[in-house]
């Protein structure tokens, strides 16, 4: 049987790697991203999508904040102004829908009013519960009279 060179014993220093340089870490692949300047139409579309997403997020937060405040107890439970909303989640969804599909008005004191199909949402960032939502008895005239 012949001597197999691959099986020759290696001295201890070489086995421990003391004199052997460590294998270099594999380099991360260099990826060249092709950058392309967006057209004006693409920039406008991207801006519109971002604005819609921001509006939806804002409306969701308004609905969640107002629905856990006094408006649910007073206008949903006591006065039964919203027969389709029996839970705070349903009330929040309804408020969100009004804010997204409304006729908005800017009021004094940083408040905003949102009117849609007989429902009024008043966003008041200074109020502990963020505002209110109800169905005024004099409807749209009430909304127009807000300042």
Protein backbone atom coordinates (compact mmCIF):
# COMPACT_ATOMS: atom_id res chain seq x y z
CA UNK A 1 0.00 0.00 0.00
CA UNK A 2 1.35 3.39 -0.93
CA UNK A 3 1.56 6.46 1.21
CA UNK A 4 -1.39 8.79 0.82
CA UNK A 5 -0.12 12.35 1.02
CA UNK A 6 -3.53 13.66 2.00
CA UNK A 7 -3.35 11.57 5.14
CA UNK A 8 0.04 12.74 6.29
CA UNK A 9 -0.04 13.85 9.88
CA UNK A 10 -0.02 17.57 10.45
CA UNK A 11 1.82 19.06 13.39
CA UNK A 12 -0.28 20.52 16.21
CA UNK A 13 0.50 24.17 15.45
CA UNK A 14 -0.96 23.89 11.96
CA UNK A 15 -4.05 22.07 13.20
CA UNK A 16 -4.84 24.83 15.67
CA UNK A 17 -4.59 27.43 12.95
CA UNK A 18 -1.91 29.40 14.77
CA UNK A 19 0.24 29.93 11.68
CA UNK A 20 -2.55 29.66 9.14
CA UNK A 21 -4.31 32.87 8.20
CA UNK A 22 -8.03 32.80 8.71
CA UNK A 23 -10.18 32.46 5.62
CA UNK A 24 -11.38 35.88 4.64
CA UNK A 25 -15.12 36.44 5.05
CA UNK A 26 -16.91 36.17 1.78
CA UNK A 27 -17.49 39.59 0.38
CA UNK A 28 -21.07 40.77 0.15
CA UNK A 29 -22.17 40.78 -3.43
CA UNK A 30 -22.01 44.21 -4.90
CA UNK A 31 -25.41 45.06 -6.28
CA UNK A 32 -25.70 48.04 -8.49
CA UNK A 33 -29.14 49.46 -8.26
CA UNK A 34 -30.28 51.03 -11.40
CA UNK A 35 -31.76 54.36 -10.40
CA UNK A 36 -34.25 55.94 -12.67
CA UNK A 37 -35.72 59.37 -12.31
CA UNK A 38 -39.49 59.20 -11.96
CA UNK A 39 -41.63 61.04 -14.44
CA UNK A 40 -43.79 63.89 -13.21
CA UNK A 41 -46.88 61.68 -13.53
CA UNK A 42 -45.24 58.92 -11.45
CA UNK A 43 -44.23 61.41 -8.75
CA UNK A 44 -47.77 62.80 -8.61
CA UNK A 45 -49.25 59.30 -8.41
CA UNK A 46 -46.83 58.30 -5.63
CA UNK A 47 -47.67 61.47 -3.71
CA UNK A 48 -51.41 60.81 -4.09
CA UNK A 49 -51.03 57.23 -2.84
CA UNK A 50 -49.05 58.46 0.16
CA UNK A 51 -51.64 61.14 0.90
CA UNK A 52 -54.50 58.63 0.73
CA UNK A 53 -52.64 56.25 3.06
CA UNK A 54 -51.98 59.10 5.52
CA UNK A 55 -55.62 60.24 5.38
CA UNK A 56 -56.82 56.69 6.06
CA UNK A 57 -54.46 56.31 9.01
CA UNK A 58 -55.56 59.68 10.40
CA UNK A 59 -59.26 58.82 9.99
CA UNK A 60 -58.71 55.48 11.73
CA UNK A 61 -57.03 57.16 14.70
CA UNK A 62 -59.81 59.76 14.93
CA UNK A 63 -62.44 57.01 14.93
CA UNK A 64 -60.65 54.98 17.57
CA UNK A 65 -60.07 57.99 19.83
CA UNK A 66 -63.60 59.41 19.66
CA UNK A 67 -65.31 56.01 19.97
CA UNK A 68 -63.78 55.38 23.41
CA UNK A 69 -64.87 58.78 24.72
CA UNK A 70 -68.16 60.31 25.80
CA UNK A 71 -69.72 60.20 22.31
CA UNK A 72 -70.34 56.44 22.42
CA UNK A 73 -72.15 56.50 25.77
CA UNK A 74 -74.11 59.67 25.03
CA UNK A 75 -74.99 59.39 21.34
CA UNK A 76 -74.94 55.63 20.71
CA UNK A 77 -76.17 54.16 24.01
CA UNK A 78 -78.33 56.88 25.63
CA UNK A 79 -79.76 58.74 22.63
CA UNK A 80 -79.64 55.84 20.16
CA UNK A 81 -78.66 58.11 17.28
CA UNK A 82 -76.73 55.30 15.58
CA UNK A 83 -78.87 52.13 15.47
CA UNK A 84 -76.32 50.40 13.20
CA UNK A 85 -73.51 50.88 15.74
CA UNK A 86 -73.85 48.70 18.81
CA UNK A 87 -70.16 48.37 19.65
CA UNK A 88 -67.34 50.85 20.00
CA UNK A 89 -65.60 49.16 17.04
CA UNK A 90 -68.65 49.73 14.82
CA UNK A 91 -68.88 53.32 16.02
CA UNK A 92 -65.15 53.85 15.30
CA UNK A 93 -65.58 52.42 11.79
CA UNK A 94 -68.54 54.72 11.16
CA UNK A 95 -66.55 57.76 12.33
CA UNK A 96 -63.62 56.72 10.13
CA UNK A 97 -65.95 56.45 7.13
CA UNK A 98 -67.39 59.93 7.75
CA UNK A 99 -63.93 61.47 8.05
CA UNK A 100 -62.79 59.79 4.82
CA UNK A 101 -65.90 60.60 2.76
CA UNK A 102 -66.96 63.89 4.21
CA UNK A 103 -67.46 67.52 3.59
CA UNK A 104 -64.82 69.02 5.89
CA UNK A 105 -64.68 72.43 7.53
CA UNK A 106 -61.96 74.05 9.55
CA UNK A 107 -63.24 75.48 12.83
CA UNK A 108 -61.62 77.69 15.43
CA UNK A 109 -59.34 76.35 18.13
CA UNK A 110 -57.67 73.75 15.89
CA UNK A 111 -60.91 71.83 15.48
CA UNK A 112 -62.29 70.33 12.28
CA UNK A 113 -65.82 69.27 11.41
CA UNK A 114 -66.75 66.46 9.06
CA UNK A 115 -70.27 66.06 7.66
CA UNK A 116 -71.58 63.04 5.80
CA UNK A 117 -75.17 61.83 5.37
CA UNK A 118 -76.55 63.33 8.57
CA UNK A 119 -73.58 62.48 10.77
CA UNK A 120 -71.30 65.13 12.21
CA UNK A 121 -67.82 64.37 13.51
CA UNK A 122 -66.01 67.16 15.31
CA UNK A 123 -62.32 66.52 15.81
CA UNK A 124 -61.01 68.48 18.76
CA UNK A 125 -57.37 67.66 19.53
CA UNK A 126 -57.64 69.68 22.75
CA UNK A 127 -60.41 67.49 24.19
CA UNK A 128 -59.45 64.47 26.32
CA UNK A 129 -61.49 62.15 24.06
CA UNK A 130 -60.50 63.82 20.79
CA UNK A 131 -63.91 65.21 19.95
CA UNK A 132 -67.40 63.90 19.30
CA UNK A 133 -69.72 62.38 16.74
CA UNK A 134 -73.48 62.75 16.64
CA UNK A 135 -76.50 63.38 14.42
CA UNK A 136 -77.73 66.93 15.05
CA UNK A 137 -81.50 67.41 15.00
CA UNK A 138 -81.24 70.42 12.67
CA UNK A 139 -78.82 68.52 10.42
CA UNK A 140 -76.78 70.33 7.81
CA UNK A 141 -77.76 73.77 9.14
CA UNK A 142 -76.04 72.84 12.40
CA UNK A 143 -72.90 71.93 10.46
CA UNK A 144 -72.99 75.24 8.54
CA UNK A 145 -73.41 77.19 11.77
CA UNK A 146 -70.28 75.82 13.37
CA UNK A 147 -67.38 78.23 13.86
